Structure formats: C-alpha cells, structure tokens
Amino acid sequence: MSNNKKYSFLLIKLSNQIFNYENRFIGCYNVPITQYCIDNSYKIGNKLIEHNLLPNIIYCSDLNRTIYSSYVIRNKLKKNIPIIKSWKLNEKYYGELEGVPKKYVQKIYGDNSLKNLESDYITKLPKIKDFLYYNNYSYYENSYVNDRESNKNIQDRLLPYYKNDILDTIKENKLPLIFTHKYTARVFMKYLLNLNDDDFLNYNYPNNKILLINLDNKFKYIDHNEIEY
C-alpha cells in the first residue's frame, strides 16, 4: 500500500518596515517595528485561527522585528508554543550599504539595474567606499558573515537549517510557521519551486500572504496555497 500522507508548513515574510518607507537598505539592521507590522501580525493570527492552521512551533530570524511579530501572533493564537530564533533566517546582509538611502546607489547604477542587482541569484551589491560611515547600522557586529551577501549566500545558510532542523519538526507531524524576510523567503521558494536563475530574477514573493506549503511523503514540494491577510 502506498503512503499518500502529506506534510505541511507555513511560510510568511515580514511586512514593510520603517526603512522601506524611507527607501533605505534594511538588511540585518534592527529597525524599530512599525504599527503596520504589529497590525498585520494580529491579522495573521486571525487568519490562522479562521483556517484552523494552528502552528505547533514558530521559527523566526533573530532580528527584533520578526521576534516581536512572532510573539504577537502567538499571543493572538493563545497557545504557548516555542519560538525558535536563528540568524540563518535573517534578511540579506548588505554590509556597508545597510542604512544607506537607495537613491544614492540608484544614481550610480540606475533604478532598474539596482533592482536586478538585488534580485539576481549570484550577484552581490557592490562595495561603495563612500558609504563606510554607515557601518553603525550593521547588525553583524560580531559578524556571523564576513561580507555582503548574495541570494546564493542566503541559500547556503538557509537550506542546511531547513533540512537539519525545521524538517525534523515537520517529520514529527507538527505544523511549523517560518517567519522570515523578503529575500530569504524568495530564496526559499526558489528551492521549493526549483526555479532556474533566470526565472528567479523575475520571481516576486507575494505580499500580505500566508503560504501553506504542502510536501509529499518524501518531504518533496507538491504545491502551496496562498491565504491573504
């Protein structure tokens, strides 16, 4: 008899932050959480209850904005579930560009080129020595990584964590919620959807959506549902 059992997990990327409104590179800087993000976290909790998708555990980055949002969701669910924090779910690290207004880099490379540089799989944003004085914005004071990250660098830290830690929770028939950031979520979907580098360049992770990811009995991607909040 074949085993048709399915497994699932939830994937959410954080909503826009204060630096997005100021059009700066956020990366791993611990920006203050906005009321908009707090309100969205309550909405996420409501949608999870409405669809009876109650996670047993939350995995989030170790940046304050996802940690705080995770606690808001947990409080809304009224379930004392563990919240596991890891830098491996952090956003892309921009090095000396963190905190820099994007308009300065757009002047050098142009708006479309900058978007492609950010979205490309293997390319890192270039070093610009004029912006070294912005280093006080960097989260990595003790340096988990030594240089700016490409999206491939994100995948190199993300996938071992998923396969060695998060997947163990899924195998225990639990429903984990993974709460991460824009580029980390994009890289995760590249892996799940098996996107080539060209398709990945144009892939946009959906805004204000909870993704319910379904896996087969060998823990391979089947499909996913998008739940708007």
C-alpha atoms as a PDB file:
ATOM      1  CA  MET A   1       0.000   0.000   0.000  1.00  0.00           C
ATOM      2  CA  SER A   2       1.387   3.399  -0.956  1.00  0.00           C
ATOM      3  CA  ASN A   3       1.821   6.087   1.627  1.00  0.00           C
ATOM      4  CA  ASN A   4      -0.069   9.165   0.428  1.00  0.00           C
ATOM      5  CA  LYS A   5       0.445  11.141   3.596  1.00  0.00           C
ATOM      6  CA  LYS A   6       1.080  14.859   3.153  1.00  0.00           C
ATOM      7  CA  TYR A   7       3.055  17.186   5.371  1.00  0.00           C
ATOM      8  CA  SER A   8       2.822  20.945   5.556  1.00  0.00           C
ATOM      9  CA  PHE A   9       4.391  24.089   6.935  1.00  0.00           C
ATOM     10  CA  LEU A  10       3.561  27.806   6.902  1.00  0.00           C
ATOM     11  CA  LEU A  11       5.789  30.464   5.386  1.00  0.00           C
ATOM     12  CA  ILE A  12       5.408  34.216   5.966  1.00  0.00           C
ATOM     13  CA  LYS A  13       7.628  37.156   5.116  1.00  0.00           C
ATOM     14  CA  LEU A  14       7.658  40.243   7.278  1.00  0.00           C
ATOM     15  CA  SER A  15       5.688  43.282   6.158  1.00  0.00           C
ATOM     16  CA  ASN A  16       7.343  46.562   5.218  1.00  0.00           C
ATOM     17  CA  GLN A  17       9.472  48.273   7.813  1.00  0.00           C
ATOM     18  CA  ILE A  18      10.305  51.887   8.578  1.00  0.00           C
ATOM     19  CA  PHE A  19      13.386  51.818   6.330  1.00  0.00           C
ATOM     20  CA  ASN A  20      11.194  50.693   3.430  1.00  0.00           C
ATOM     21  CA  TYR A  21       9.177  53.865   3.828  1.00  0.00           C
ATOM     22  CA  GLU A  22      12.433  55.837   3.865  1.00  0.00           C
ATOM     23  CA  ASN A  23      13.659  53.762   0.880  1.00  0.00           C
ATOM     24  CA  ARG A  24      16.874  52.609   2.545  1.00  0.00           C
ATOM     25  CA  PHE A  25      18.655  49.275   2.506  1.00  0.00           C
ATOM     26  CA  ILE A  26      17.421  47.468   5.627  1.00  0.00           C
ATOM     27  CA  GLY A  27      19.201  44.117   5.572  1.00  0.00           C
ATOM     28  CA  CYS A  28      20.101  42.974   9.070  1.00  0.00           C
ATOM     29  CA  TYR A  29      19.817  46.299  10.838  1.00  0.00           C
ATOM     30  CA  ASN A  30      17.431  46.059  13.807  1.00  0.00           C
ATOM     31  CA  VAL A  31      14.991  48.749  12.732  1.00  0.00           C
ATOM     32  CA  PRO A  32      12.084  49.582  15.071  1.00  0.00           C
ATOM     33  CA  ILE A  33       8.936  47.599  14.370  1.00  0.00           C
ATOM     34  CA  THR A  34       6.095  49.674  12.935  1.00  0.00           C
ATOM     35  CA  GLN A  35       2.454  49.743  13.984  1.00  0.00           C
ATOM     36  CA  TYR A  36       1.689  48.481  10.473  1.00  0.00           C
ATOM     37  CA  CYS A  37       3.673  45.296  11.193  1.00  0.00           C
ATOM     38  CA  ILE A  38       2.010  44.830  14.567  1.00  0.00           C
ATOM     39  CA  ASP A  39      -1.445  45.197  12.995  1.00  0.00           C
ATOM     40  CA  ASN A  40      -0.520  42.695  10.292  1.00  0.00           C
ATOM     41  CA  SER A  41       0.681  40.222  12.911  1.00  0.00           C
ATOM     42  CA  TYR A  42      -2.755  40.336  14.524  1.00  0.00           C
ATOM     43  CA  LYS A  43      -4.314  39.800  11.087  1.00  0.00           C
ATOM     44  CA  ILE A  44      -2.058  36.797  10.525  1.00  0.00           C
ATOM     45  CA  GLY A  45      -3.148  35.317  13.844  1.00  0.00           C
ATOM     46  CA  ASN A  46      -6.807  35.838  12.952  1.00  0.00           C
ATOM     47  CA  LYS A  47      -6.372  34.140   9.565  1.00  0.00           C
ATOM     48  CA  LEU A  48      -4.581  31.172  11.092  1.00  0.00           C
ATOM     49  CA  ILE A  49      -7.481  30.716  13.527  1.00  0.00           C
ATOM     50  CA  GLU A  50     -10.065  31.196  10.768  1.00  0.00           C
ATOM     51  CA  HIS A  51      -8.458  28.496   8.601  1.00  0.00           C
ATOM     52  CA  ASN A  52      -7.687  26.218  11.562  1.00  0.00           C
ATOM     53  CA  LEU A  53      -3.967  26.357  10.765  1.00  0.00           C
ATOM     54  CA  LEU A  54      -2.536  26.389  14.254  1.00  0.00           C
ATOM     55  CA  PRO A  55       1.246  26.026  14.284  1.00  0.00           C
ATOM     56  CA  ASN A  56       2.998  23.947  16.923  1.00  0.00           C
ATOM     57  CA  ILE A  57       6.194  25.944  16.715  1.00  0.00           C
ATOM     58  CA  ILE A  58       7.427  29.221  15.212  1.00  0.00           C
ATOM     59  CA  TYR A  59      10.840  29.618  13.576  1.00  0.00           C
ATOM     60  CA  CYS A  60      11.907  33.218  13.032  1.00  0.00           C
ATOM     61  CA  SER A  61      15.040  35.230  12.348  1.00  0.00           C
ATOM     62  CA  ASP A  62      16.915  36.701  15.289  1.00  0.00           C
ATOM     63  CA  LEU A  63      16.089  40.246  14.200  1.00  0.00           C
ATOM     64  CA  ASN A  64      13.835  42.090  16.622  1.00  0.00           C
ATOM     65  CA  ARG A  65      11.126  42.796  14.067  1.00  0.00           C
ATOM     66  CA  THR A  66      10.325  39.132  13.399  1.00  0.00           C
ATOM     67  CA  ILE A  67      10.785  38.138  17.032  1.00  0.00           C
ATOM     68  CA  TYR A  68       8.284  40.741  18.234  1.00  0.00           C
ATOM     69  CA  SER A  69       5.843  39.850  15.437  1.00  0.00           C
ATOM     70  CA  SER A  70       6.099  36.166  16.356  1.00  0.00           C
ATOM     71  CA  TYR A  71       5.141  36.913  19.947  1.00  0.00           C
ATOM     72  CA  VAL A  72       2.169  38.976  18.741  1.00  0.00           C
ATOM     73  CA  ILE A  73       0.981  36.020  16.624  1.00  0.00           C
ATOM     74  CA  ARG A  74       1.499  33.571  19.483  1.00  0.00           C
ATOM     75  CA  ASN A  75      -0.459  35.771  21.875  1.00  0.00           C
ATOM     76  CA  LYS A  76      -3.282  36.010  19.351  1.00  0.00           C
ATOM     77  CA  LEU A  77      -3.370  32.219  18.993  1.00  0.00           C
ATOM     78  CA  LYS A  78      -3.385  31.858  22.797  1.00  0.00           C
ATOM     79  CA  LYS A  79      -1.031  28.891  22.510  1.00  0.00           C
ATOM     80  CA  ASN A  80       2.193  28.676  24.486  1.00  0.00           C
ATOM     81  CA  ILE A  81       4.215  27.329  21.566  1.00  0.00           C
ATOM     82  CA  PRO A  82       8.004  27.626  21.330  1.00  0.00           C
ATOM     83  CA  ILE A  83       9.561  30.428  19.278  1.00  0.00           C
ATOM     84  CA  ILE A  84      12.942  29.406  17.877  1.00  0.00           C
ATOM     85  CA  LYS A  85      15.208  32.235  16.724  1.00  0.00           C
ATOM     86  CA  SER A  86      18.041  31.785  14.231  1.00  0.00           C
ATOM     87  CA  TRP A  87      20.276  34.157  12.271  1.00  0.00           C
ATOM     88  CA  LYS A  88      20.022  31.672   9.398  1.00  0.00           C
ATOM     89  CA  LEU A  89      16.536  33.061   8.699  1.00  0.00           C
ATOM     90  CA  ASN A  90      17.803  36.651   8.692  1.00  0.00           C
ATOM     91  CA  GLU A  91      17.423  39.013   5.779  1.00  0.00           C
ATOM     92  CA  LYS A  92      20.175  39.529   3.211  1.00  0.00           C
ATOM     93  CA  TYR A  93      23.187  41.304   4.717  1.00  0.00           C
ATOM     94  CA  TYR A  94      24.191  44.430   2.756  1.00  0.00           C
ATOM     95  CA  GLY A  95      27.431  45.246   4.566  1.00  0.00           C
ATOM     96  CA  GLU A  96      28.353  48.917   4.430  1.00  0.00           C
ATOM     97  CA  LEU A  97      25.197  49.696   2.436  1.00  0.00           C
ATOM     98  CA  GLU A  98      22.888  48.982   5.386  1.00  0.00           C
ATOM     99  CA  GLY A  99      21.047  52.147   6.280  1.00  0.00           C
ATOM    100  CA  VAL A 100      22.099  53.912   3.081  1.00  0.00           C
ATOM    101  CA  PRO A 101      19.291  55.648   1.146  1.00  0.00           C
ATOM    102  CA  LYS A 102      18.805  53.748  -2.115  1.00  0.00           C
ATOM    103  CA  LYS A 103      18.687  56.969  -4.132  1.00  0.00           C
ATOM    104  CA  TYR A 104      22.473  57.325  -3.796  1.00  0.00           C
ATOM    105  CA  VAL A 105      23.081  53.894  -5.313  1.00  0.00           C
ATOM    106  CA  GLN A 106      20.371  54.449  -7.925  1.00  0.00           C
ATOM    107  CA  LYS A 107      22.307  57.489  -9.144  1.00  0.00           C
ATOM    108  CA  ILE A 108      25.286  55.225  -9.858  1.00  0.00           C
ATOM    109  CA  TYR A 109      23.557  52.163 -11.320  1.00  0.00           C
ATOM    110  CA  GLY A 110      20.038  53.299 -12.268  1.00  0.00           C
ATOM    111  CA  ASP A 111      16.778  52.104 -10.761  1.00  0.00           C
ATOM    112  CA  ASN A 112      16.266  49.026 -12.965  1.00  0.00           C
ATOM    113  CA  SER A 113      19.872  47.877 -12.615  1.00  0.00           C
ATOM    114  CA  LEU A 114      19.665  48.193  -8.840  1.00  0.00           C
ATOM    115  CA  LYS A 115      16.503  46.068  -8.741  1.00  0.00           C
ATOM    116  CA  ASN A 116      18.241  43.416 -10.830  1.00  0.00           C
ATOM    117  CA  LEU A 117      21.316  43.517  -8.595  1.00  0.00           C
ATOM    118  CA  GLU A 118      19.118  42.910  -5.539  1.00  0.00           C
ATOM    119  CA  SER A 119      17.027  40.172  -7.163  1.00  0.00           C
ATOM    120  CA  ASP A 120      19.771  38.279  -9.002  1.00  0.00           C
ATOM    121  CA  TYR A 121      20.790  34.925  -7.534  1.00  0.00           C
ATOM    122  CA  ILE A 122      24.583  35.149  -7.509  1.00  0.00           C
ATOM    123  CA  THR A 123      25.328  38.897  -7.585  1.00  0.00           C
ATOM    124  CA  LYS A 124      26.285  40.892  -4.510  1.00  0.00           C
ATOM    125  CA  LEU A 125      25.652  44.597  -4.308  1.00  0.00           C
ATOM    126  CA  PRO A 126      28.969  46.353  -4.948  1.00  0.00           C
ATOM    127  CA  LYS A 127      31.112  47.897  -2.257  1.00  0.00           C
ATOM    128  CA  ILE A 128      30.926  51.661  -2.236  1.00  0.00           C
ATOM    129  CA  LYS A 129      33.628  53.114  -0.003  1.00  0.00           C
ATOM    130  CA  ASP A 130      31.888  56.472   0.310  1.00  0.00           C
ATOM    131  CA  PHE A 131      29.247  54.834   2.481  1.00  0.00           C
ATOM    132  CA  LEU A 132      31.526  53.160   5.018  1.00  0.00           C
ATOM    133  CA  TYR A 133      30.461  55.673   7.682  1.00  0.00           C
ATOM    134  CA  TYR A 134      27.061  53.983   7.729  1.00  0.00           C
ATOM    135  CA  ASN A 135      28.595  50.866   9.311  1.00  0.00           C
ATOM    136  CA  ASN A 136      26.917  51.672  12.641  1.00  0.00           C
ATOM    137  CA  TYR A 137      23.692  50.384  11.042  1.00  0.00           C
ATOM    138  CA  SER A 138      25.073  46.875  10.660  1.00  0.00           C
ATOM    139  CA  TYR A 139      23.525  44.112  12.769  1.00  0.00           C
ATOM    140  CA  TYR A 140      26.550  41.873  12.384  1.00  0.00           C
ATOM    141  CA  GLU A 141      28.775  43.492  14.973  1.00  0.00           C
ATOM    142  CA  ASN A 142      30.114  40.050  15.901  1.00  0.00           C
ATOM    143  CA  SER A 143      29.883  39.012  12.256  1.00  0.00           C
ATOM    144  CA  TYR A 144      28.025  35.794  11.521  1.00  0.00           C
ATOM    145  CA  VAL A 145      29.090  36.520   7.941  1.00  0.00           C
ATOM    146  CA  ASN A 146      32.163  38.384   6.787  1.00  0.00           C
ATOM    147  CA  ASP A 147      30.906  40.177   3.706  1.00  0.00           C
ATOM    148  CA  ARG A 148      27.830  41.366   1.842  1.00  0.00           C
ATOM    149  CA  GLU A 149      25.527  38.525   0.839  1.00  0.00           C
ATOM    150  CA  SER A 150      24.131  37.450  -2.494  1.00  0.00           C
ATOM    151  CA  ASN A 151      20.903  35.477  -2.659  1.00  0.00           C
ATOM    152  CA  LYS A 152      23.035  32.373  -3.158  1.00  0.00           C
ATOM    153  CA  ASN A 153      24.775  33.132   0.146  1.00  0.00           C
ATOM    154  CA  ILE A 154      21.350  33.220   1.791  1.00  0.00           C
ATOM    155  CA  GLN A 155      20.572  29.794   0.356  1.00  0.00           C
ATOM    156  CA  ASP A 156      23.891  28.420   1.634  1.00  0.00           C
ATOM    157  CA  ARG A 157      22.906  29.234   5.235  1.00  0.00           C
ATOM    158  CA  LEU A 158      19.141  28.712   4.906  1.00  0.00           C
ATOM    159  CA  LEU A 159      18.845  25.251   3.359  1.00  0.00           C
ATOM    160  CA  PRO A 160      21.027  23.352   5.873  1.00  0.00           C
ATOM    161  CA  TYR A 161      18.964  24.896   8.662  1.00  0.00           C
ATOM    162  CA  TYR A 162      15.734  23.880   6.948  1.00  0.00           C
ATOM    163  CA  LYS A 163      16.912  20.331   6.191  1.00  0.00           C
ATOM    164  CA  ASN A 164      18.622  19.672   9.527  1.00  0.00           C
ATOM    165  CA  ASP A 165      16.311  21.470  11.961  1.00  0.00           C
ATOM    166  CA  ILE A 166      12.958  22.614  10.614  1.00  0.00           C
ATOM    167  CA  LEU A 167      12.354  19.461   8.586  1.00  0.00           C
ATOM    168  CA  ASP A 168      12.749  17.341  11.719  1.00  0.00           C
ATOM    169  CA  THR A 169       9.769  19.184  13.184  1.00  0.00           C
ATOM    170  CA  ILE A 170       7.726  18.525  10.035  1.00  0.00           C
ATOM    171  CA  LYS A 171       8.608  14.824  10.208  1.00  0.00           C
ATOM    172  CA  GLU A 172       7.112  14.771  13.717  1.00  0.00           C
ATOM    173  CA  ASN A 173       3.736  15.709  12.164  1.00  0.00           C
ATOM    174  CA  LYS A 174       3.950  19.222  13.539  1.00  0.00           C
ATOM    175  CA  LEU A 175       2.946  22.338  11.615  1.00  0.00           C
ATOM    176  CA  PRO A 176       5.800  24.852  11.874  1.00  0.00           C
ATOM    177  CA  LEU A 177       5.418  28.508  10.964  1.00  0.00           C
ATOM    178  CA  ILE A 178       8.531  30.020   9.382  1.00  0.00           C
ATOM    179  CA  PHE A 179       8.625  33.795   9.778  1.00  0.00           C
ATOM    180  CA  THR A 180      11.365  35.417   7.736  1.00  0.00           C
ATOM    181  CA  HIS A 181      12.126  38.276   5.331  1.00  0.00           C
ATOM    182  CA  LYS A 182      11.689  39.191   1.672  1.00  0.00           C
ATOM    183  CA  TYR A 183      14.896  37.883   0.121  1.00  0.00           C
ATOM    184  CA  THR A 184      15.163  34.882   2.405  1.00  0.00           C
ATOM    185  CA  ALA A 185      11.572  33.922   1.523  1.00  0.00           C
ATOM    186  CA  ARG A 186      12.358  34.371  -2.203  1.00  0.00           C
ATOM    187  CA  VAL A 187      15.361  32.066  -1.914  1.00  0.00           C
ATOM    188  CA  PHE A 188      13.278  29.504  -0.041  1.00  0.00           C
ATOM    189  CA  MET A 189      10.691  29.500  -2.836  1.00  0.00           C
ATOM    190  CA  LYS A 190      13.446  29.196  -5.457  1.00  0.00           C
ATOM    191  CA  TYR A 191      14.443  25.948  -3.803  1.00  0.00           C
ATOM    192  CA  LEU A 192      10.872  24.651  -3.390  1.00  0.00           C
ATOM    193  CA  LEU A 193       9.728  25.613  -6.897  1.00  0.00           C
ATOM    194  CA  ASN A 194      13.043  24.539  -8.449  1.00  0.00           C
ATOM    195  CA  LEU A 195      13.367  27.866 -10.251  1.00  0.00           C
ATOM    196  CA  ASN A 196      16.332  28.420 -12.535  1.00  0.00           C
ATOM    197  CA  ASP A 197      18.367  31.589 -12.047  1.00  0.00           C
ATOM    198  CA  ASP A 198      16.612  33.499 -14.839  1.00  0.00           C
ATOM    199  CA  ASP A 199      13.134  32.699 -13.526  1.00  0.00           C
ATOM    200  CA  PHE A 200      14.246  33.563 -10.012  1.00  0.00           C
ATOM    201  CA  LEU A 201      15.321  37.037 -11.148  1.00  0.00           C
ATOM    202  CA  ASN A 202      11.691  37.834 -12.025  1.00  0.00           C
ATOM    203  CA  TYR A 203      10.059  35.931  -9.174  1.00  0.00           C
ATOM    204  CA  ASN A 204       8.138  38.111  -6.724  1.00  0.00           C
ATOM    205  CA  TYR A 205       7.172  36.675  -3.372  1.00  0.00           C
ATOM    206  CA  PRO A 206       3.514  37.652  -2.730  1.00  0.00           C
ATOM    207  CA  ASN A 207       2.787  40.438  -0.267  1.00  0.00           C
ATOM    208  CA  ASN A 208       0.393  40.027   2.659  1.00  0.00           C
ATOM    209  CA  LYS A 209       0.001  36.294   2.103  1.00  0.00           C
ATOM    210  CA  ILE A 210       0.440  33.252   4.324  1.00  0.00           C
ATOM    211  CA  LEU A 211       1.835  30.406   2.236  1.00  0.00           C
ATOM    212  CA  LEU A 212       0.714  26.912   3.195  1.00  0.00           C
ATOM    213  CA  ILE A 213       3.406  24.665   1.699  1.00  0.00           C
ATOM    214  CA  ASN A 214       2.430  21.027   1.070  1.00  0.00           C
ATOM    215  CA  LEU A 215       5.003  18.221   0.893  1.00  0.00           C
ATOM    216  CA  ASP A 216       4.684  14.584  -0.130  1.00  0.00           C
ATOM    217  CA  ASN A 217       5.623  11.572   1.969  1.00  0.00           C
ATOM    218  CA  LYS A 218       9.258  12.014   0.906  1.00  0.00           C
ATOM    219  CA  PHE A 219       9.101  15.668   2.006  1.00  0.00           C
ATOM    220  CA  LYS A 220       9.292  16.988  -1.544  1.00  0.00           C
ATOM    221  CA  TYR A 221       7.296  20.036  -2.593  1.00  0.00           C
ATOM    222  CA  ILE A 222       3.815  19.328  -4.035  1.00  0.00           C
ATOM    223  CA  ASP A 223       2.106  22.712  -4.137  1.00  0.00           C
ATOM    224  CA  HIS A 224       1.148  25.648  -1.979  1.00  0.00           C
ATOM    225  CA  ASN A 225      -1.907  27.716  -1.123  1.00  0.00           C
ATOM    226  CA  GLU A 226      -1.885  31.463  -0.586  1.00  0.00           C
ATOM    227  CA  ILE A 227      -4.037  32.886   2.226  1.00  0.00           C
ATOM    228  CA  GLU A 228      -4.467  36.634   2.168  1.00  0.00           C
ATOM    229  CA  TYR A 229      -4.418  38.556   5.446  1.00  0.00           C
END
